[in-house]
Protein backbone atom coordinates (compact mmCIF):
# COMPACT_ATOMS: atom_id res chain seq x y z
CA MET A 1 -12.44 -5.04 29.52
CA PRO A 2 -9.05 -6.76 28.69
CA GLN A 3 -10.87 -10.12 28.66
CA GLU A 4 -13.38 -8.72 26.15
CA ARG A 5 -10.51 -7.43 24.02
CA ASP A 6 -8.88 -10.86 24.09
CA GLU A 7 -12.16 -12.44 23.00
CA ILE A 8 -12.49 -9.95 20.15
CA GLU A 9 -8.92 -10.56 18.97
CA GLU A 10 -9.54 -14.32 19.17
CA LYS A 11 -12.61 -14.01 16.96
CA ILE A 12 -10.69 -11.91 14.42
CA ASP A 13 -8.02 -14.57 14.28
CA GLU A 14 -10.64 -17.24 13.84
CA PHE A 15 -12.33 -15.35 11.02
CA LEU A 16 -9.07 -14.62 9.20
CA GLU A 17 -8.26 -18.32 9.26
CA GLY A 18 -4.49 -17.89 9.48
CA ARG A 19 -4.25 -15.01 7.03
CA PRO A 20 -2.10 -12.09 8.20
CA ARG A 21 -3.53 -9.13 10.08
CA SER A 22 -3.79 -5.71 8.30
CA SER A 23 -1.00 -4.35 10.56
CA TYR A 24 1.39 -7.03 9.33
CA LEU A 25 0.44 -6.32 5.71
CA ALA A 26 1.17 -2.59 6.40
CA GLU A 27 4.63 -3.64 7.70
CA LEU A 28 5.24 -5.67 4.52
CA ARG A 29 4.27 -2.67 2.38
CA ALA A 30 6.64 -0.42 4.32
CA ALA A 31 9.48 -2.86 3.78
CA LEU A 32 8.62 -3.15 0.09
CA ALA A 33 8.59 0.66 -0.11
CA ARG A 34 12.12 0.86 1.30
CA ARG A 35 13.28 -1.78 -1.15
CA LEU A 36 11.59 0.01 -4.04
CA GLU A 37 13.25 3.27 -3.01
CA GLY A 38 16.61 1.57 -3.07
CA THR A 39 16.03 -0.03 -6.42
CA ARG A 40 14.95 3.31 -7.90
CA ALA A 41 18.14 4.92 -6.54
CA ALA A 42 20.14 2.11 -8.12
CA LEU A 43 18.43 2.69 -11.42
CA LYS A 44 19.38 6.40 -11.38
CA GLN A 45 23.02 5.57 -10.67
CA THR A 46 23.64 2.90 -13.31
CA GLU A 47 24.48 3.62 -16.90
CA ASP A 48 24.52 -0.06 -18.06
CA PRO A 49 21.43 -0.55 -20.32
CA LYS A 50 21.05 -4.23 -19.34
CA GLU A 51 21.17 -3.37 -15.64
CA GLN A 52 18.65 -0.54 -16.21
CA GLU A 53 16.27 -2.89 -17.92
CA LYS A 54 16.62 -5.47 -15.13
CA LEU A 55 15.95 -2.74 -12.46
CA ARG A 56 12.95 -1.45 -14.40
CA LYS A 57 11.45 -4.90 -14.40
CA GLU A 58 12.11 -5.26 -10.69
CA ILE A 59 10.51 -1.89 -10.04
CA ALA A 60 7.42 -2.79 -12.07
CA GLU A 61 7.08 -6.06 -10.16
CA MET A 62 7.46 -4.38 -6.81
CA GLU A 63 4.85 -1.75 -7.76
CA ARG A 64 2.48 -4.57 -8.74
CA GLN A 65 3.15 -6.33 -5.40
CA ASP A 66 2.46 -3.06 -3.54
CA GLU A 67 -0.93 -2.71 -5.25
CA VAL A 68 -1.87 -6.27 -4.30
CA LEU A 69 -0.76 -5.76 -0.69
CA ALA A 70 -2.58 -2.46 -0.47
CA ARG A 71 -5.88 -4.11 -1.61
CA GLU A 72 -5.38 -7.00 0.77
CA GLU A 73 -4.61 -4.64 3.67
CA LEU A 74 -7.77 -2.67 3.04
CA ILE A 75 -9.93 -5.79 2.78
CA THR A 76 -8.40 -7.29 5.91
CA GLU A 77 -8.82 -4.07 7.82
CA PHE A 78 -12.48 -3.96 6.86
CA VAL A 79 -12.95 -7.60 7.97
CA GLU A 80 -11.19 -6.91 11.29
CA ASP A 81 -13.36 -3.85 11.93
CA SER A 82 -16.50 -5.72 11.01
CA VAL A 83 -15.66 -8.59 13.35
CA ARG A 84 -14.79 -6.12 16.16
CA ALA A 85 -18.12 -4.33 15.68
CA THR A 86 -20.14 -7.52 15.64
CA VAL A 87 -18.40 -9.14 18.62
CA SER A 88 -18.49 -5.88 20.59
CA TRP A 89 -22.21 -5.56 19.95
CA SER A 90 -22.82 -9.15 21.02
CA LEU A 91 -20.85 -8.57 24.23
CA LEU A 92 -22.82 -5.42 25.04
CA LYS A 93 -26.21 -6.95 24.36
CA PRO A 94 -27.36 -9.50 26.96
CA GLU A 95 -28.36 -12.85 25.53
CA ASP A 96 -31.70 -12.66 27.44
CA ASP A 97 -32.81 -9.87 25.09
CA GLU A 98 -32.49 -12.06 22.00
CA GLY A 99 -35.43 -14.26 23.05
CA GLU A 100 -37.76 -11.25 23.51
CA ALA A 101 -37.51 -10.04 19.89
């Protein structure tokens, strides 16, 4: 079974062509969420209008980045699951059966 898992993970990496896995994208989103939380806290604490405007722009950009990462994470997770299902199916089905169809 571990050898099959390695083969599946290899196929996923091949299919993603160097793009990050969904788990890594989730980690990036978590880090971004922490940064966003800190920036929102800083916005609440400052009374300087210029600093407030700067922080609002940063918050808007981070929210946009989070949306992009969330979409990419979902797409990548779907691709990973699809590859897992396809490769698992091909490992379960003997090649001899393919010629009979």
